[in-house]
Amino acid sequence: MSTLFLTRSEGLPVNLPSATTAKTERPARVTVTIDKAGNLLVNREPVQIQTLKDAVRKKQQPNQSLTVVLNIDEAVTHGQVVAVMDKVRQIPGAKLAIATKKP
């Protein structure tokens, strides 16, 4: 069982040490959208459910973590959402988040 949600993570303020070899690591972020009409898009590019996994993988660099944000219209059926989640969960290292809005 998975619980998916989008949160803002903030650490406590601390004085970090310096390192000349430090790099900023940002996970790859991909947005998978299903609009009200049921159209499936990866970063605004139309895809089919059969090619979703490959389309998302193309956005990921080797050894880079990946966050996939599901941006799904509330009118989309539960079955479509589960099908998309199932495809994304087959991608090694991919983490799911669901986009929502405040009421």
C-alpha atoms as a PDB file:
ATOM      1  CA  MET A   1       0.000   0.000   0.000  1.00  0.00           C
ATOM      2  CA  SER A   2       1.272   3.480  -0.824  1.00  0.00           C
ATOM      3  CA  THR A   3       0.265   6.878   0.388  1.00  0.00           C
ATOM      4  CA  LEU A   4       1.072   9.617  -2.074  1.00  0.00           C
ATOM      5  CA  PHE A   5       1.161  13.287  -1.337  1.00  0.00           C
ATOM      6  CA  LEU A   6       3.132  16.390  -2.171  1.00  0.00           C
ATOM      7  CA  THR A   7       4.834  18.079   0.746  1.00  0.00           C
ATOM      8  CA  ARG A   8       7.285  20.875   1.253  1.00  0.00           C
ATOM      9  CA  SER A   9      10.262  19.638   3.188  1.00  0.00           C
ATOM     10  CA  GLU A  10      12.218  22.144   5.215  1.00  0.00           C
ATOM     11  CA  GLY A  11      15.197  21.453   7.415  1.00  0.00           C
ATOM     12  CA  LEU A  12      16.180  23.290  10.562  1.00  0.00           C
ATOM     13  CA  PRO A  13      18.558  26.226  10.113  1.00  0.00           C
ATOM     14  CA  VAL A  14      22.173  25.180  10.672  1.00  0.00           C
ATOM     15  CA  ASN A  15      25.614  26.472   9.685  1.00  0.00           C
ATOM     16  CA  LEU A  16      26.807  24.037   7.051  1.00  0.00           C
ATOM     17  CA  PRO A  17      30.483  23.305   6.504  1.00  0.00           C
ATOM     18  CA  SER A  18      32.133  24.278   3.216  1.00  0.00           C
ATOM     19  CA  ALA A  19      33.416  21.790   0.652  1.00  0.00           C
ATOM     20  CA  THR A  20      35.121  22.665  -2.626  1.00  0.00           C
ATOM     21  CA  THR A  21      33.745  19.502  -4.234  1.00  0.00           C
ATOM     22  CA  ALA A  22      30.147  20.207  -3.230  1.00  0.00           C
ATOM     23  CA  LYS A  23      27.510  19.933  -5.937  1.00  0.00           C
ATOM     24  CA  THR A  24      23.865  20.824  -5.959  1.00  0.00           C
ATOM     25  CA  GLU A  25      21.890  17.639  -6.568  1.00  0.00           C
ATOM     26  CA  ARG A  26      18.401  18.101  -7.859  1.00  0.00           C
ATOM     27  CA  PRO A  27      16.281  15.090  -8.624  1.00  0.00           C
ATOM     28  CA  ALA A  28      14.840  14.940 -12.105  1.00  0.00           C
ATOM     29  CA  ARG A  29      11.239  16.047 -12.027  1.00  0.00           C
ATOM     30  CA  VAL A  30       8.731  14.831 -14.562  1.00  0.00           C
ATOM     31  CA  THR A  31       5.076  15.803 -14.692  1.00  0.00           C
ATOM     32  CA  VAL A  32       2.580  13.245 -15.942  1.00  0.00           C
ATOM     33  CA  THR A  33      -0.764  14.845 -16.761  1.00  0.00           C
ATOM     34  CA  ILE A  34      -4.137  13.312 -17.511  1.00  0.00           C
ATOM     35  CA  ASP A  35      -6.576  16.014 -18.551  1.00  0.00           C
ATOM     36  CA  LYS A  36     -10.359  15.946 -18.269  1.00  0.00           C
ATOM     37  CA  ALA A  37     -10.659  14.345 -21.716  1.00  0.00           C
ATOM     38  CA  GLY A  38      -8.327  11.513 -20.682  1.00  0.00           C
ATOM     39  CA  ASN A  39      -5.322  12.690 -22.717  1.00  0.00           C
ATOM     40  CA  LEU A  40      -1.988  11.537 -21.262  1.00  0.00           C
ATOM     41  CA  LEU A  41       1.045  13.848 -21.390  1.00  0.00           C
ATOM     42  CA  VAL A  42       4.617  13.737 -20.102  1.00  0.00           C
ATOM     43  CA  ASN A  43       5.928  17.260 -19.564  1.00  0.00           C
ATOM     44  CA  ARG A  44       3.225  18.520 -21.979  1.00  0.00           C
ATOM     45  CA  GLU A  45       4.154  15.997 -24.677  1.00  0.00           C
ATOM     46  CA  PRO A  46       1.324  13.595 -25.650  1.00  0.00           C
ATOM     47  CA  VAL A  47       2.024   9.898 -25.031  1.00  0.00           C
ATOM     48  CA  GLN A  48       0.105   6.640 -24.967  1.00  0.00           C
ATOM     49  CA  ILE A  49      -0.140   4.503 -21.823  1.00  0.00           C
ATOM     50  CA  GLN A  50       1.945   1.818 -23.579  1.00  0.00           C
ATOM     51  CA  THR A  51       4.870   4.247 -24.062  1.00  0.00           C
ATOM     52  CA  LEU A  52       4.542   6.104 -20.752  1.00  0.00           C
ATOM     53  CA  LYS A  53       7.321   4.235 -18.963  1.00  0.00           C
ATOM     54  CA  ASP A  54       9.844   4.876 -21.754  1.00  0.00           C
ATOM     55  CA  ALA A  55       8.828   8.528 -22.086  1.00  0.00           C
ATOM     56  CA  VAL A  56       9.412   9.092 -18.364  1.00  0.00           C
ATOM     57  CA  ARG A  57      12.714   7.186 -18.363  1.00  0.00           C
ATOM     58  CA  LYS A  58      14.034   9.431 -21.158  1.00  0.00           C
ATOM     59  CA  LYS A  59      13.779  12.387 -18.779  1.00  0.00           C
ATOM     60  CA  GLN A  60      16.034  10.701 -16.199  1.00  0.00           C
ATOM     61  CA  GLN A  61      19.838  10.808 -16.277  1.00  0.00           C
ATOM     62  CA  PRO A  62      21.849   7.765 -15.137  1.00  0.00           C
ATOM     63  CA  ASN A  63      22.221   7.584 -11.350  1.00  0.00           C
ATOM     64  CA  GLN A  64      19.780  10.458 -10.869  1.00  0.00           C
ATOM     65  CA  SER A  65      16.772  10.219  -8.608  1.00  0.00           C
ATOM     66  CA  LEU A  66      13.429  10.889 -10.225  1.00  0.00           C
ATOM     67  CA  THR A  67      10.257  12.452  -8.875  1.00  0.00           C
ATOM     68  CA  VAL A  68       7.165  11.928 -11.001  1.00  0.00           C
ATOM     69  CA  VAL A  69       4.387  14.395 -10.229  1.00  0.00           C
ATOM     70  CA  LEU A  70       0.938  13.157 -11.212  1.00  0.00           C
ATOM     71  CA  ASN A  71      -1.134  16.131 -12.367  1.00  0.00           C
ATOM     72  CA  ILE A  72      -4.533  14.543 -12.874  1.00  0.00           C
ATOM     73  CA  ASP A  73      -7.923  16.175 -13.382  1.00  0.00           C
ATOM     74  CA  GLU A  74     -10.425  15.235 -10.681  1.00  0.00           C
ATOM     75  CA  ALA A  75     -12.846  13.971 -13.361  1.00  0.00           C
ATOM     76  CA  VAL A  76     -10.430  11.214 -14.468  1.00  0.00           C
ATOM     77  CA  THR A  77     -11.509   7.710 -13.499  1.00  0.00           C
ATOM     78  CA  HIS A  78      -9.807   5.779 -10.740  1.00  0.00           C
ATOM     79  CA  GLY A  79      -8.834   3.070 -13.221  1.00  0.00           C
ATOM     80  CA  GLN A  80      -6.872   5.508 -15.384  1.00  0.00           C
ATOM     81  CA  VAL A  81      -5.017   6.843 -12.343  1.00  0.00           C
ATOM     82  CA  VAL A  82      -4.114   3.340 -11.168  1.00  0.00           C
ATOM     83  CA  ALA A  83      -2.892   2.380 -14.662  1.00  0.00           C
ATOM     84  CA  VAL A  84      -0.569   5.406 -14.763  1.00  0.00           C
ATOM     85  CA  MET A  85       0.675   4.803 -11.214  1.00  0.00           C
ATOM     86  CA  ASP A  86       1.375   1.170 -12.067  1.00  0.00           C
ATOM     87  CA  LYS A  87       3.504   2.131 -15.079  1.00  0.00           C
ATOM     88  CA  VAL A  88       5.474   4.753 -13.117  1.00  0.00           C
ATOM     89  CA  ARG A  89       6.108   2.371 -10.210  1.00  0.00           C
ATOM     90  CA  GLN A  90       7.859   0.016 -12.658  1.00  0.00           C
ATOM     91  CA  ILE A  91      10.630   2.607 -13.152  1.00  0.00           C
ATOM     92  CA  PRO A  92      13.542   1.903 -10.795  1.00  0.00           C
ATOM     93  CA  GLY A  93      14.161   4.769  -8.359  1.00  0.00           C
ATOM     94  CA  ALA A  94      11.059   6.742  -9.338  1.00  0.00           C
ATOM     95  CA  LYS A  95       9.115   8.420  -6.537  1.00  0.00           C
ATOM     96  CA  LEU A  96       5.504   9.438  -6.964  1.00  0.00           C
ATOM     97  CA  ALA A  97       3.840  12.652  -5.879  1.00  0.00           C
ATOM     98  CA  ILE A  98       0.302  13.827  -6.564  1.00  0.00           C
ATOM     99  CA  ALA A  99      -0.336  17.472  -7.357  1.00  0.00           C
ATOM    100  CA  THR A 100      -3.237  19.016  -5.437  1.00  0.00           C
ATOM    101  CA  LYS A 101      -4.563  22.484  -4.712  1.00  0.00           C
ATOM    102  CA  LYS A 102      -5.679  24.004  -1.458  1.00  0.00           C
ATOM    103  CA  PRO A 103      -9.444  24.344  -1.080  1.00  0.00           C
END
